[in-house]
N, C-alpha and C. Protein backbone atom coordinates (compact mmCIF):
# COMPACT_ATOMS: atom_id res chain seq x y z
N UNK A 1 -25.65 11.57 3.84
CA UNK A 1 -27.03 11.98 3.67
C UNK A 1 -27.11 12.97 2.51
N UNK A 2 -28.28 13.49 2.30
CA UNK A 2 -28.44 14.33 1.13
C UNK A 2 -29.68 15.22 1.26
N UNK A 3 -29.88 16.00 0.22
CA UNK A 3 -31.07 16.83 0.16
C UNK A 3 -32.33 15.96 0.20
N UNK A 4 -32.26 14.79 -0.40
CA UNK A 4 -33.42 13.89 -0.41
C UNK A 4 -33.77 13.44 1.00
N UNK A 5 -32.77 13.11 1.79
CA UNK A 5 -32.99 12.71 3.17
C UNK A 5 -33.56 13.86 4.00
N UNK A 6 -33.00 15.05 3.83
CA UNK A 6 -33.50 16.23 4.53
C UNK A 6 -34.96 16.47 4.16
N UNK A 7 -35.27 16.43 2.88
CA UNK A 7 -36.63 16.69 2.41
C UNK A 7 -37.60 15.63 2.93
N UNK A 8 -37.20 14.38 2.85
CA UNK A 8 -38.08 13.27 3.29
C UNK A 8 -38.43 13.38 4.76
N UNK A 9 -37.45 13.71 5.58
CA UNK A 9 -37.65 13.72 7.02
C UNK A 9 -38.15 15.04 7.61
N UNK A 10 -37.97 16.15 6.90
CA UNK A 10 -38.26 17.44 7.52
C UNK A 10 -39.11 18.39 6.70
N UNK A 11 -39.51 18.02 5.48
CA UNK A 11 -40.30 18.94 4.65
C UNK A 11 -41.60 18.31 4.18
N UNK A 12 -42.60 19.17 3.96
CA UNK A 12 -43.82 18.77 3.26
C UNK A 12 -43.91 19.63 2.00
N UNK A 13 -44.80 19.28 1.10
CA UNK A 13 -44.99 20.02 -0.15
C UNK A 13 -43.66 20.25 -0.86
N UNK A 14 -42.91 19.19 -1.01
CA UNK A 14 -41.56 19.25 -1.58
C UNK A 14 -41.61 19.48 -3.09
N UNK A 15 -40.74 20.37 -3.55
CA UNK A 15 -40.55 20.64 -4.98
C UNK A 15 -39.06 20.60 -5.27
N UNK A 16 -38.71 19.92 -6.34
CA UNK A 16 -37.31 19.85 -6.77
C UNK A 16 -37.12 20.75 -7.98
N UNK A 17 -36.04 21.54 -8.01
CA UNK A 17 -35.81 22.41 -9.17
C UNK A 17 -35.23 21.62 -10.34
N UNK A 18 -35.40 22.16 -11.54
CA UNK A 18 -34.72 21.58 -12.69
C UNK A 18 -33.22 21.85 -12.52
N UNK A 19 -32.40 21.16 -13.30
CA UNK A 19 -30.95 21.37 -13.21
C UNK A 19 -30.60 22.83 -13.51
N UNK A 20 -31.25 23.42 -14.52
CA UNK A 20 -30.97 24.82 -14.87
C UNK A 20 -31.34 25.77 -13.73
N UNK A 21 -32.51 25.56 -13.14
CA UNK A 21 -32.95 26.41 -12.03
C UNK A 21 -31.99 26.26 -10.85
N UNK A 22 -31.64 25.01 -10.52
CA UNK A 22 -30.73 24.77 -9.40
C UNK A 22 -29.39 25.46 -9.63
N UNK A 23 -28.87 25.36 -10.85
CA UNK A 23 -27.59 25.97 -11.19
C UNK A 23 -27.64 27.49 -11.16
N UNK A 24 -28.70 28.07 -11.71
CA UNK A 24 -28.81 29.53 -11.83
C UNK A 24 -29.29 30.20 -10.54
N UNK A 25 -30.19 29.55 -9.82
CA UNK A 25 -30.77 30.16 -8.62
C UNK A 25 -30.14 29.65 -7.33
N UNK A 26 -29.34 28.59 -7.42
CA UNK A 26 -28.55 28.07 -6.32
C UNK A 26 -29.37 27.58 -5.12
N UNK A 27 -30.42 26.80 -5.41
CA UNK A 27 -31.15 26.13 -4.34
C UNK A 27 -31.39 24.68 -4.76
N UNK A 28 -31.62 23.81 -3.77
CA UNK A 28 -31.69 22.38 -4.04
C UNK A 28 -33.06 21.75 -3.85
N UNK A 29 -33.86 22.30 -2.95
CA UNK A 29 -35.20 21.75 -2.69
C UNK A 29 -36.04 22.86 -2.06
N UNK A 30 -37.33 22.84 -2.34
CA UNK A 30 -38.23 23.78 -1.65
C UNK A 30 -39.32 22.98 -0.96
N UNK A 31 -39.86 23.57 0.09
CA UNK A 31 -40.93 22.91 0.83
C UNK A 31 -41.22 23.67 2.12
N UNK A 32 -42.06 23.05 2.94
CA UNK A 32 -42.47 23.64 4.21
C UNK A 32 -41.89 22.79 5.32
N UNK A 33 -41.21 23.41 6.28
CA UNK A 33 -40.65 22.68 7.42
C UNK A 33 -41.77 22.07 8.25
N UNK A 34 -41.76 20.77 8.40
CA UNK A 34 -42.79 20.04 9.16
C UNK A 34 -42.87 20.55 10.59
N UNK A 35 -44.08 20.94 11.01
CA UNK A 35 -44.33 21.32 12.39
C UNK A 35 -43.61 22.58 12.84
N UNK A 36 -43.02 23.32 11.94
CA UNK A 36 -42.25 24.51 12.32
C UNK A 36 -42.82 25.79 11.71
N UNK A 37 -43.02 25.76 10.41
CA UNK A 37 -43.46 26.94 9.68
C UNK A 37 -44.58 26.54 8.72
N UNK A 38 -45.30 27.51 8.21
CA UNK A 38 -46.30 27.21 7.19
C UNK A 38 -45.96 27.91 5.87
N UNK A 39 -44.74 28.37 5.77
CA UNK A 39 -44.27 29.10 4.60
C UNK A 39 -43.40 28.19 3.73
N UNK A 40 -43.65 28.22 2.42
CA UNK A 40 -42.78 27.48 1.51
C UNK A 40 -41.46 28.20 1.36
N UNK A 41 -40.36 27.48 1.53
CA UNK A 41 -39.03 28.06 1.47
C UNK A 41 -38.15 27.28 0.51
N UNK A 42 -37.10 27.94 0.01
CA UNK A 42 -36.09 27.28 -0.84
C UNK A 42 -34.84 27.06 0.01
N UNK A 43 -34.30 25.86 -0.07
CA UNK A 43 -33.17 25.46 0.77
C UNK A 43 -31.95 25.14 -0.07
N UNK A 44 -30.81 25.64 0.38
CA UNK A 44 -29.50 25.27 -0.17
C UNK A 44 -28.99 24.16 0.74
N UNK A 45 -28.97 22.92 0.20
CA UNK A 45 -28.60 21.76 1.00
C UNK A 45 -27.31 21.13 0.49
N UNK A 46 -26.55 21.89 -0.28
CA UNK A 46 -25.29 21.34 -0.80
C UNK A 46 -24.42 20.86 0.36
N UNK A 47 -23.70 19.77 0.18
CA UNK A 47 -22.90 19.23 1.29
C UNK A 47 -21.63 20.02 1.55
N UNK A 48 -21.06 19.78 2.72
CA UNK A 48 -19.74 20.32 3.05
C UNK A 48 -18.72 19.62 2.16
N UNK A 49 -17.66 20.33 1.78
CA UNK A 49 -16.61 19.78 0.92
C UNK A 49 -15.25 20.00 1.56
N UNK A 50 -14.36 19.09 1.28
CA UNK A 50 -12.97 19.22 1.73
C UNK A 50 -12.31 20.29 0.86
N UNK A 51 -11.68 21.28 1.51
CA UNK A 51 -11.01 22.36 0.81
C UNK A 51 -9.54 22.00 0.57
N UNK A 52 -8.86 22.78 -0.25
CA UNK A 52 -7.46 22.52 -0.56
C UNK A 52 -6.57 22.56 0.68
N UNK A 53 -6.96 23.38 1.68
CA UNK A 53 -6.16 23.47 2.89
C UNK A 53 -6.49 22.37 3.91
N UNK A 54 -7.37 21.45 3.52
CA UNK A 54 -7.72 20.33 4.38
C UNK A 54 -8.93 20.55 5.26
N UNK A 55 -9.41 21.80 5.35
CA UNK A 55 -10.59 22.08 6.17
C UNK A 55 -11.85 21.67 5.41
N UNK A 56 -12.91 21.42 6.16
CA UNK A 56 -14.20 21.12 5.57
C UNK A 56 -15.02 22.40 5.59
N UNK A 57 -15.64 22.74 4.46
CA UNK A 57 -16.37 23.99 4.37
C UNK A 57 -17.53 23.88 3.38
N UNK A 58 -18.39 24.87 3.45
CA UNK A 58 -19.50 24.99 2.50
C UNK A 58 -19.42 26.38 1.91
N UNK A 59 -19.26 26.46 0.61
CA UNK A 59 -19.21 27.75 -0.04
C UNK A 59 -20.63 28.23 -0.33
N UNK A 60 -20.81 29.52 -0.26
CA UNK A 60 -22.10 30.11 -0.57
C UNK A 60 -21.91 31.33 -1.44
N UNK A 61 -22.99 31.78 -2.04
CA UNK A 61 -22.94 32.98 -2.88
C UNK A 61 -24.05 33.93 -2.49
N UNK A 62 -23.77 35.20 -2.64
CA UNK A 62 -24.79 36.20 -2.34
C UNK A 62 -25.86 36.26 -3.42
N UNK A 63 -25.65 35.60 -4.53
CA UNK A 63 -26.63 35.61 -5.62
C UNK A 63 -27.67 34.50 -5.49
N UNK A 64 -27.60 33.71 -4.44
CA UNK A 64 -28.55 32.62 -4.27
C UNK A 64 -29.98 33.15 -4.09
N UNK A 65 -30.94 32.39 -4.54
CA UNK A 65 -32.34 32.72 -4.27
C UNK A 65 -32.89 31.81 -3.18
N UNK A 66 -32.00 31.00 -2.58
CA UNK A 66 -32.41 30.17 -1.44
C UNK A 66 -32.75 31.07 -0.26
N UNK A 67 -33.78 30.69 0.49
CA UNK A 67 -34.14 31.42 1.70
C UNK A 67 -33.32 30.95 2.90
N UNK A 68 -32.99 29.65 2.88
CA UNK A 68 -32.30 29.05 4.02
C UNK A 68 -31.12 28.21 3.52
N UNK A 69 -30.05 28.21 4.31
CA UNK A 69 -28.90 27.36 4.04
C UNK A 69 -28.92 26.25 5.10
N UNK A 70 -28.71 25.04 4.64
CA UNK A 70 -28.74 23.89 5.54
C UNK A 70 -27.34 23.28 5.60
N UNK A 71 -26.84 23.09 6.82
CA UNK A 71 -25.55 22.45 7.02
C UNK A 71 -25.81 21.13 7.75
N UNK A 72 -25.28 20.07 7.19
CA UNK A 72 -25.45 18.76 7.78
C UNK A 72 -24.24 18.39 8.63
N UNK A 73 -24.49 17.99 9.87
CA UNK A 73 -23.44 17.43 10.71
C UNK A 73 -23.76 15.94 10.89
N UNK A 74 -22.99 15.25 11.66
CA UNK A 74 -23.24 13.82 11.86
C UNK A 74 -24.60 13.55 12.50
N UNK A 75 -25.04 14.43 13.38
CA UNK A 75 -26.28 14.17 14.11
C UNK A 75 -27.38 15.20 13.91
N UNK A 76 -27.10 16.27 13.14
CA UNK A 76 -28.07 17.36 13.03
C UNK A 76 -28.11 17.97 11.63
N UNK A 77 -29.22 18.66 11.38
CA UNK A 77 -29.35 19.57 10.25
C UNK A 77 -29.45 20.96 10.87
N UNK A 78 -28.57 21.86 10.49
CA UNK A 78 -28.58 23.22 11.03
C UNK A 78 -29.05 24.14 9.90
N UNK A 79 -30.15 24.84 10.16
CA UNK A 79 -30.77 25.69 9.14
C UNK A 79 -30.55 27.15 9.52
N UNK A 80 -30.03 27.92 8.58
CA UNK A 80 -29.67 29.32 8.81
C UNK A 80 -30.39 30.18 7.78
N UNK A 81 -30.84 31.35 8.20
CA UNK A 81 -31.48 32.29 7.29
C UNK A 81 -30.42 32.96 6.41
N UNK A 82 -30.57 32.83 5.10
CA UNK A 82 -29.56 33.34 4.16
C UNK A 82 -29.46 34.87 4.22
N UNK A 83 -30.58 35.56 4.28
CA UNK A 83 -30.53 37.03 4.32
C UNK A 83 -29.82 37.52 5.57
N UNK A 84 -30.12 36.93 6.72
CA UNK A 84 -29.46 37.32 7.96
C UNK A 84 -27.96 36.99 7.89
N UNK A 85 -27.62 35.85 7.31
CA UNK A 85 -26.22 35.47 7.16
C UNK A 85 -25.48 36.47 6.28
N UNK A 86 -26.09 36.87 5.15
CA UNK A 86 -25.46 37.86 4.27
C UNK A 86 -25.24 39.19 4.99
N UNK A 87 -26.23 39.64 5.74
CA UNK A 87 -26.09 40.90 6.49
C UNK A 87 -24.95 40.80 7.49
N UNK A 88 -24.85 39.66 8.17
CA UNK A 88 -23.78 39.44 9.15
C UNK A 88 -22.41 39.48 8.46
N UNK A 89 -22.30 38.85 7.32
CA UNK A 89 -21.03 38.82 6.58
C UNK A 89 -20.63 40.22 6.14
N UNK A 90 -21.58 40.97 5.59
CA UNK A 90 -21.29 42.33 5.11
C UNK A 90 -20.97 43.26 6.27
N UNK A 91 -21.78 43.22 7.33
CA UNK A 91 -21.56 44.12 8.47
C UNK A 91 -20.21 43.89 9.14
N UNK A 92 -19.75 42.65 9.12
CA UNK A 92 -18.49 42.32 9.79
C UNK A 92 -17.33 42.12 8.82
N UNK A 93 -17.59 42.40 7.53
CA UNK A 93 -16.56 42.31 6.47
C UNK A 93 -15.83 40.97 6.52
N UNK A 94 -16.61 39.89 6.53
CA UNK A 94 -16.05 38.54 6.64
C UNK A 94 -15.86 37.89 5.29
N UNK A 95 -14.85 37.05 5.18
CA UNK A 95 -14.64 36.23 3.98
C UNK A 95 -15.03 34.78 4.27
N UNK A 96 -15.01 34.43 5.55
CA UNK A 96 -15.46 33.10 5.94
C UNK A 96 -16.14 33.20 7.29
N UNK A 97 -17.06 32.27 7.53
CA UNK A 97 -17.83 32.25 8.76
C UNK A 97 -17.78 30.82 9.30
N UNK A 98 -17.65 30.69 10.59
CA UNK A 98 -17.61 29.38 11.21
C UNK A 98 -18.99 29.03 11.76
N UNK A 99 -19.36 27.77 11.64
CA UNK A 99 -20.69 27.32 12.03
C UNK A 99 -21.03 27.69 13.47
N UNK A 100 -20.11 27.51 14.38
CA UNK A 100 -20.35 27.85 15.78
C UNK A 100 -20.70 29.34 15.94
N UNK A 101 -20.02 30.18 15.16
CA UNK A 101 -20.28 31.62 15.20
C UNK A 101 -21.69 31.93 14.69
N UNK A 102 -22.09 31.26 13.63
CA UNK A 102 -23.43 31.49 13.08
C UNK A 102 -24.50 31.13 14.10
N UNK A 103 -24.35 29.97 14.70
CA UNK A 103 -25.34 29.51 15.68
C UNK A 103 -25.42 30.48 16.86
N UNK A 104 -24.29 30.98 17.29
CA UNK A 104 -24.23 31.87 18.45
C UNK A 104 -24.73 33.28 18.13
N UNK A 105 -24.37 33.83 16.98
CA UNK A 105 -24.60 35.25 16.71
C UNK A 105 -25.86 35.57 15.91
N UNK A 106 -26.35 34.63 15.12
CA UNK A 106 -27.54 34.92 14.33
C UNK A 106 -28.80 34.56 15.11
N UNK A 107 -29.84 35.34 14.93
CA UNK A 107 -31.09 35.10 15.65
C UNK A 107 -31.89 33.95 15.05
N UNK A 108 -31.92 33.86 13.72
CA UNK A 108 -32.78 32.87 13.07
C UNK A 108 -31.95 31.66 12.69
N UNK A 109 -32.06 30.62 13.47
CA UNK A 109 -31.51 29.34 13.08
C UNK A 109 -32.31 28.25 13.76
N UNK A 110 -32.40 27.12 13.10
CA UNK A 110 -33.13 25.97 13.63
C UNK A 110 -32.17 24.79 13.56
N UNK A 111 -32.13 24.03 14.64
CA UNK A 111 -31.32 22.81 14.65
C UNK A 111 -32.28 21.63 14.77
N UNK A 112 -32.21 20.75 13.77
CA UNK A 112 -33.06 19.56 13.75
C UNK A 112 -32.19 18.33 13.95
N UNK A 113 -32.60 17.49 14.87
CA UNK A 113 -31.89 16.23 15.08
C UNK A 113 -32.24 15.27 13.95
N UNK A 114 -31.28 14.43 13.61
CA UNK A 114 -31.53 13.43 12.56
C UNK A 114 -32.33 12.28 13.12
């Protein structure tokens, strides 16, 4: 799946960034979550990647202007608030975060079925 699939099924008022904006601001699509919010948000929908150690992970940066990070699983889209995630990482001095931990410990997350 992809950002296009996420946008088609779960967003209204969709806007796609130019390549320069996407590269510099680190977001993939903006829009309003259907039936959930009325606020336009920027989403980081980059896919999970296989790491050198064989684990699957999604890298993020604190310089992103995305409001939400989206993680795709086989059956769900998991949406996490970037600001809350950054605060959690800094407060706990983390270098990596596991998805299960994010879902359990962060207050703002939405899980959408595919």
